Amino acid sequence: MTQPTAAGGQARTPARTQSLTHRDPAQVSLQDALDALGDPVRRCILRTLADHPDWTLPCGSFDVPVSAATRSHHFAVLRATGLLEQRDTGPRRFNRLRRAEFDRRFPGLLDLILHEDAH
């Protein structure tokens, strides 16, 4: 599998990226979305992603009070509920909040989460 490079060529997609499963938010139940959004660590990850451009934050850059293994689990839950897309670049895994896709499925729900501290 290949992906475009900045120079316009094709780069081989790393094998571990090929193993990532990204669920379409249209296939996610409201209960699954609420379960994923119910965890404060996952909400912190989402708020951090919302404040940065797509594909600029690797998993290890998030300031969350959990171990690396637990952080990895939280990313997997977010990916499985269609909230997050990930791709590998070298040894790091970068992230993108799938806001538009998730908003189409659950209008307004992500806004509540992203602005929860403002209330």
N, C-alpha and C. Protein backbone atom coordinates (compact mmCIF):
# COMPACT_ATOMS: atom_id res chain seq x y z
N MET A 1 0.85 -1.17 0.00
CA MET A 1 0.00 0.00 0.00
C MET A 1 0.90 1.24 0.00
N THR A 2 0.50 2.26 -0.75
CA THR A 2 1.30 3.49 -0.81
C THR A 2 0.43 4.68 -0.47
N GLN A 3 1.10 5.77 -0.09
CA GLN A 3 0.41 7.02 0.18
C GLN A 3 1.22 8.14 -0.45
N PRO A 4 0.58 9.25 -0.83
CA PRO A 4 1.30 10.35 -1.46
C PRO A 4 2.31 10.97 -0.50
N THR A 5 3.41 11.45 -1.06
CA THR A 5 4.39 12.18 -0.27
C THR A 5 4.29 13.66 -0.61
N ALA A 6 4.95 14.49 0.20
CA ALA A 6 4.92 15.93 -0.04
C ALA A 6 5.54 16.28 -1.38
N ALA A 7 6.48 15.46 -1.84
CA ALA A 7 7.16 15.71 -3.11
C ALA A 7 6.34 15.22 -4.31
N GLY A 8 5.18 14.65 -4.04
CA GLY A 8 4.33 14.19 -5.14
C GLY A 8 4.55 12.75 -5.52
N GLY A 9 5.49 12.07 -4.90
CA GLY A 9 5.74 10.65 -5.17
C GLY A 9 4.88 9.77 -4.30
N GLN A 10 5.22 8.52 -4.23
CA GLN A 10 4.50 7.57 -3.42
C GLN A 10 5.44 6.96 -2.38
N ALA A 11 5.01 6.87 -1.16
CA ALA A 11 5.79 6.25 -0.10
C ALA A 11 5.05 5.01 0.38
N ARG A 12 5.76 4.02 0.74
CA ARG A 12 5.16 2.78 1.24
C ARG A 12 4.55 3.04 2.62
N THR A 13 3.32 2.60 2.81
CA THR A 13 2.66 2.72 4.10
C THR A 13 3.23 1.66 5.02
N PRO A 14 3.69 2.06 6.22
CA PRO A 14 4.24 1.08 7.14
C PRO A 14 3.22 -0.01 7.48
N ALA A 15 3.73 -1.22 7.73
CA ALA A 15 2.85 -2.36 8.01
C ALA A 15 1.97 -2.11 9.22
N ARG A 16 2.49 -1.44 10.24
CA ARG A 16 1.65 -1.22 11.42
C ARG A 16 0.51 -0.25 11.13
N THR A 17 0.70 0.69 10.18
CA THR A 17 -0.40 1.57 9.78
C THR A 17 -1.46 0.77 9.04
N GLN A 18 -1.03 -0.16 8.22
CA GLN A 18 -1.98 -0.98 7.47
C GLN A 18 -2.88 -1.78 8.40
N SER A 19 -2.39 -2.08 9.62
CA SER A 19 -3.18 -2.87 10.56
C SER A 19 -4.18 -2.03 11.34
N LEU A 20 -4.11 -0.70 11.23
CA LEU A 20 -5.06 0.16 11.94
C LEU A 20 -6.45 0.05 11.32
N THR A 21 -7.45 -0.03 12.17
CA THR A 21 -8.83 -0.05 11.70
C THR A 21 -9.47 1.27 12.08
N HIS A 22 -9.99 1.96 11.08
CA HIS A 22 -10.67 3.24 11.31
C HIS A 22 -12.15 3.06 11.00
N ARG A 23 -12.96 3.15 12.02
CA ARG A 23 -14.39 2.93 11.87
C ARG A 23 -15.08 4.19 11.37
N ASP A 24 -15.99 4.01 10.45
CA ASP A 24 -16.79 5.12 9.94
C ASP A 24 -17.78 5.53 11.04
N PRO A 25 -17.80 6.82 11.41
CA PRO A 25 -18.74 7.26 12.45
C PRO A 25 -20.19 6.92 12.13
N ALA A 26 -20.54 6.79 10.87
CA ALA A 26 -21.92 6.44 10.51
C ALA A 26 -22.30 5.06 11.02
N GLN A 27 -21.32 4.23 11.35
CA GLN A 27 -21.57 2.87 11.85
C GLN A 27 -21.56 2.79 13.38
N VAL A 28 -21.36 3.92 14.04
CA VAL A 28 -21.23 3.96 15.49
C VAL A 28 -22.58 4.25 16.14
N SER A 29 -22.93 3.46 17.16
CA SER A 29 -24.18 3.71 17.87
C SER A 29 -23.99 4.88 18.84
N LEU A 30 -25.09 5.50 19.21
CA LEU A 30 -25.03 6.59 20.18
C LEU A 30 -24.43 6.08 21.50
N GLN A 31 -24.81 4.88 21.91
CA GLN A 31 -24.27 4.33 23.17
C GLN A 31 -22.76 4.17 23.10
N ASP A 32 -22.24 3.67 21.98
CA ASP A 32 -20.78 3.52 21.83
C ASP A 32 -20.09 4.89 21.88
N ALA A 33 -20.69 5.87 21.23
CA ALA A 33 -20.12 7.22 21.24
C ALA A 33 -20.11 7.79 22.65
N LEU A 34 -21.21 7.64 23.37
CA LEU A 34 -21.28 8.14 24.74
C LEU A 34 -20.31 7.42 25.66
N ASP A 35 -20.16 6.11 25.47
CA ASP A 35 -19.20 5.34 26.27
C ASP A 35 -17.78 5.86 26.04
N ALA A 36 -17.43 6.12 24.79
CA ALA A 36 -16.09 6.62 24.47
C ALA A 36 -15.88 8.02 25.03
N LEU A 37 -16.90 8.84 24.95
CA LEU A 37 -16.79 10.23 25.39
C LEU A 37 -16.93 10.39 26.91
N GLY A 38 -17.32 9.33 27.58
CA GLY A 38 -17.52 9.39 29.02
C GLY A 38 -16.24 9.41 29.83
N ASP A 39 -15.13 9.07 29.23
CA ASP A 39 -13.87 9.01 29.97
C ASP A 39 -13.14 10.35 29.93
N PRO A 40 -12.72 10.89 31.08
CA PRO A 40 -12.06 12.20 31.10
C PRO A 40 -10.73 12.23 30.36
N VAL A 41 -10.00 11.13 30.33
CA VAL A 41 -8.73 11.10 29.59
C VAL A 41 -9.00 11.21 28.09
N ARG A 42 -10.00 10.50 27.62
CA ARG A 42 -10.33 10.57 26.19
C ARG A 42 -10.85 11.96 25.83
N ARG A 43 -11.62 12.58 26.70
CA ARG A 43 -12.08 13.94 26.43
C ARG A 43 -10.91 14.91 26.37
N CYS A 44 -9.92 14.72 27.22
CA CYS A 44 -8.72 15.56 27.20
C CYS A 44 -7.97 15.38 25.88
N ILE A 45 -7.85 14.14 25.41
CA ILE A 45 -7.19 13.87 24.13
C ILE A 45 -7.93 14.59 23.01
N LEU A 46 -9.25 14.51 23.00
CA LEU A 46 -10.04 15.15 21.95
C LEU A 46 -9.91 16.66 21.98
N ARG A 47 -9.94 17.25 23.17
CA ARG A 47 -9.78 18.71 23.27
C ARG A 47 -8.40 19.14 22.79
N THR A 48 -7.38 18.37 23.11
CA THR A 48 -6.03 18.69 22.65
C THR A 48 -5.96 18.62 21.13
N LEU A 49 -6.53 17.57 20.55
CA LEU A 49 -6.53 17.45 19.09
C LEU A 49 -7.28 18.59 18.43
N ALA A 50 -8.38 19.01 19.02
CA ALA A 50 -9.18 20.09 18.44
C ALA A 50 -8.42 21.41 18.40
N ASP A 51 -7.45 21.56 19.29
CA ASP A 51 -6.67 22.80 19.36
C ASP A 51 -5.44 22.82 18.47
N HIS A 52 -5.22 21.75 17.70
CA HIS A 52 -4.02 21.66 16.85
C HIS A 52 -4.40 21.24 15.43
N PRO A 53 -3.59 21.61 14.46
CA PRO A 53 -3.84 21.16 13.08
C PRO A 53 -3.77 19.63 12.96
N ASP A 54 -4.48 19.09 12.00
CA ASP A 54 -4.45 17.65 11.73
C ASP A 54 -3.03 17.17 11.52
N TRP A 55 -2.78 15.97 12.00
CA TRP A 55 -1.53 15.25 11.77
C TRP A 55 -0.29 15.91 12.38
N THR A 56 -0.45 16.75 13.39
CA THR A 56 0.72 17.40 14.00
C THR A 56 1.08 16.82 15.37
N LEU A 57 0.19 16.03 15.97
CA LEU A 57 0.46 15.52 17.31
C LEU A 57 0.65 14.00 17.31
N PRO A 58 1.85 13.55 17.69
CA PRO A 58 2.04 12.11 17.86
C PRO A 58 1.44 11.67 19.21
N CYS A 59 1.15 10.41 19.33
CA CYS A 59 0.51 9.88 20.54
C CYS A 59 1.27 10.23 21.82
N GLY A 60 2.58 10.18 21.78
CA GLY A 60 3.38 10.43 22.97
C GLY A 60 3.40 11.86 23.44
N SER A 61 2.83 12.78 22.68
CA SER A 61 2.89 14.20 23.03
C SER A 61 1.73 14.67 23.91
N PHE A 62 0.79 13.78 24.21
CA PHE A 62 -0.39 14.17 24.99
C PHE A 62 -0.08 14.11 26.48
N ASP A 63 -0.41 15.17 27.19
CA ASP A 63 -0.16 15.26 28.62
C ASP A 63 -1.37 14.70 29.36
N VAL A 64 -1.38 13.39 29.54
CA VAL A 64 -2.48 12.72 30.24
C VAL A 64 -1.89 11.88 31.37
N PRO A 65 -2.60 11.76 32.49
CA PRO A 65 -2.07 11.11 33.69
C PRO A 65 -2.20 9.59 33.69
N VAL A 66 -1.80 8.96 32.59
CA VAL A 66 -1.89 7.50 32.49
C VAL A 66 -0.60 6.95 31.89
N SER A 67 -0.40 5.65 32.01
CA SER A 67 0.78 5.01 31.43
C SER A 67 0.68 4.99 29.90
N ALA A 68 1.78 4.69 29.25
CA ALA A 68 1.79 4.61 27.78
C ALA A 68 0.83 3.54 27.29
N ALA A 69 0.76 2.41 27.97
CA ALA A 69 -0.14 1.33 27.56
C ALA A 69 -1.59 1.76 27.69
N THR A 70 -1.92 2.43 28.77
CA THR A 70 -3.30 2.91 28.95
C THR A 70 -3.63 3.99 27.94
N ARG A 71 -2.68 4.87 27.68
CA ARG A 71 -2.89 5.91 26.66
C ARG A 71 -3.17 5.26 25.30
N SER A 72 -2.42 4.22 24.98
CA SER A 72 -2.63 3.49 23.72
C SER A 72 -4.04 2.91 23.65
N HIS A 73 -4.52 2.38 24.77
CA HIS A 73 -5.89 1.85 24.82
C HIS A 73 -6.91 2.96 24.55
N HIS A 74 -6.70 4.12 25.14
CA HIS A 74 -7.64 5.24 24.93
C HIS A 74 -7.66 5.65 23.46
N PHE A 75 -6.50 5.69 22.81
CA PHE A 75 -6.46 6.01 21.38
C PHE A 75 -7.21 4.95 20.57
N ALA A 76 -7.07 3.69 20.95
CA ALA A 76 -7.77 2.62 20.23
C ALA A 76 -9.28 2.76 20.37
N VAL A 77 -9.75 3.12 21.55
CA VAL A 77 -11.19 3.33 21.76
C VAL A 77 -11.69 4.49 20.89
N LEU A 78 -10.95 5.57 20.87
CA LEU A 78 -11.35 6.73 20.06
C LEU A 78 -11.36 6.38 18.57
N ARG A 79 -10.39 5.59 18.14
CA ARG A 79 -10.33 5.17 16.74
C ARG A 79 -11.51 4.25 16.42
N ALA A 80 -11.85 3.34 17.35
CA ALA A 80 -12.93 2.38 17.13
C ALA A 80 -14.30 3.03 17.10
N THR A 81 -14.42 4.23 17.63
CA THR A 81 -15.71 4.93 17.62
C THR A 81 -15.76 6.03 16.56
N GLY A 82 -14.77 6.06 15.69
CA GLY A 82 -14.79 6.99 14.57
C GLY A 82 -14.40 8.41 14.92
N LEU A 83 -13.88 8.64 16.12
CA LEU A 83 -13.51 9.99 16.54
C LEU A 83 -12.11 10.38 16.11
N LEU A 84 -11.30 9.41 15.81
CA LEU A 84 -9.88 9.64 15.61
C LEU A 84 -9.38 8.84 14.41
N GLU A 85 -8.51 9.46 13.65
CA GLU A 85 -7.79 8.76 12.58
C GLU A 85 -6.31 8.85 12.90
N GLN A 86 -5.59 7.76 12.66
CA GLN A 86 -4.17 7.74 12.95
C GLN A 86 -3.39 7.25 11.74
N ARG A 87 -2.13 7.72 11.66
CA ARG A 87 -1.22 7.23 10.63
C ARG A 87 0.20 7.30 11.18
N ASP A 88 1.01 6.40 10.71
CA ASP A 88 2.40 6.31 11.17
C ASP A 88 3.31 7.06 10.22
N THR A 89 4.21 7.81 10.82
CA THR A 89 5.25 8.50 10.08
C THR A 89 6.55 8.19 10.82
N GLY A 90 7.37 7.36 10.20
CA GLY A 90 8.57 6.89 10.90
C GLY A 90 8.14 6.12 12.13
N PRO A 91 8.80 6.36 13.26
CA PRO A 91 8.45 5.61 14.47
C PRO A 91 7.28 6.20 15.25
N ARG A 92 6.71 7.30 14.78
CA ARG A 92 5.64 7.96 15.53
C ARG A 92 4.29 7.81 14.85
N ARG A 93 3.25 7.76 15.67
CA ARG A 93 1.87 7.67 15.18
C ARG A 93 1.19 9.01 15.40
N PHE A 94 0.76 9.63 14.29
CA PHE A 94 0.12 10.94 14.34
C PHE A 94 -1.39 10.80 14.28
N ASN A 95 -2.07 11.84 14.74
CA ASN A 95 -3.51 11.77 14.94
C ASN A 95 -4.26 12.92 14.29
N ARG A 96 -5.51 12.62 13.94
CA ARG A 96 -6.42 13.62 13.39
C ARG A 96 -7.79 13.41 14.00
N LEU A 97 -8.37 14.47 14.52
CA LEU A 97 -9.74 14.44 15.02
C LEU A 97 -10.67 14.42 13.81
N ARG A 98 -11.56 13.45 13.76
CA ARG A 98 -12.49 13.33 12.64
C ARG A 98 -13.78 14.12 12.95
N ARG A 99 -13.59 15.38 13.19
CA ARG A 99 -14.69 16.23 13.65
C ARG A 99 -15.84 16.31 12.65
N ALA A 100 -15.54 16.61 11.42
CA ALA A 100 -16.62 16.75 10.42
C ALA A 100 -17.41 15.46 10.27
N GLU A 101 -16.71 14.34 10.20
CA GLU A 101 -17.37 13.05 10.03
C GLU A 101 -18.24 12.72 11.25
N PHE A 102 -17.70 12.97 12.45
CA PHE A 102 -18.44 12.67 13.67
C PHE A 102 -19.62 13.62 13.83
N ASP A 103 -19.44 14.89 13.47
CA ASP A 103 -20.53 15.86 13.55
C ASP A 103 -21.69 15.51 12.61
N ARG A 104 -21.39 14.92 11.46
CA ARG A 104 -22.47 14.50 10.56
C ARG A 104 -23.33 13.42 11.22
N ARG A 105 -22.69 12.53 11.98
CA ARG A 105 -23.41 11.43 12.63
C ARG A 105 -24.12 11.90 13.91
N PHE A 106 -23.44 12.72 14.70
CA PHE A 106 -23.98 13.18 15.99
C PHE A 106 -23.83 14.69 16.09
N PRO A 107 -24.69 15.44 15.40
CA PRO A 107 -24.56 16.91 15.40
C PRO A 107 -24.58 17.50 16.81
N GLY A 108 -23.57 18.31 17.11
CA GLY A 108 -23.51 19.01 18.38
C GLY A 108 -22.89 18.25 19.53
N LEU A 109 -22.79 16.94 19.44
CA LEU A 109 -22.28 16.16 20.56
C LEU A 109 -20.81 16.47 20.84
N LEU A 110 -20.00 16.52 19.81
CA LEU A 110 -18.58 16.81 20.01
C LEU A 110 -18.37 18.24 20.52
N ASP A 111 -19.18 19.17 20.07
CA ASP A 111 -19.08 20.55 20.58
C ASP A 111 -19.29 20.60 22.09
N LEU A 112 -20.23 19.81 22.61
CA LEU A 112 -20.45 19.77 24.05
C LEU A 112 -19.19 19.30 24.78
N ILE A 113 -18.54 18.31 24.23
CA ILE A 113 -17.34 17.75 24.85
C ILE A 113 -16.19 18.74 24.76
N LEU A 114 -16.02 19.34 23.61
CA LEU A 114 -14.87 20.23 23.39
C LEU A 114 -14.98 21.52 24.21
N HIS A 115 -16.20 21.90 24.57
CA HIS A 115 -16.40 23.14 25.32
C HIS A 115 -16.87 22.88 26.74
N GLU A 116 -16.67 21.69 27.25
CA GLU A 116 -17.18 21.32 28.57
C GLU A 116 -16.58 22.18 29.68
N ASP A 117 -15.32 22.57 29.58
CA ASP A 117 -14.70 23.39 30.63
C ASP A 117 -15.24 24.82 30.64
N ALA A 118 -15.83 25.24 29.55
CA ALA A 118 -16.33 26.61 29.46
C ALA A 118 -17.67 26.77 30.18
N HIS A 119 -18.30 25.68 30.56
CA HIS A 119 -19.63 25.74 31.20
C HIS A 119 -19.51 25.75 32.70
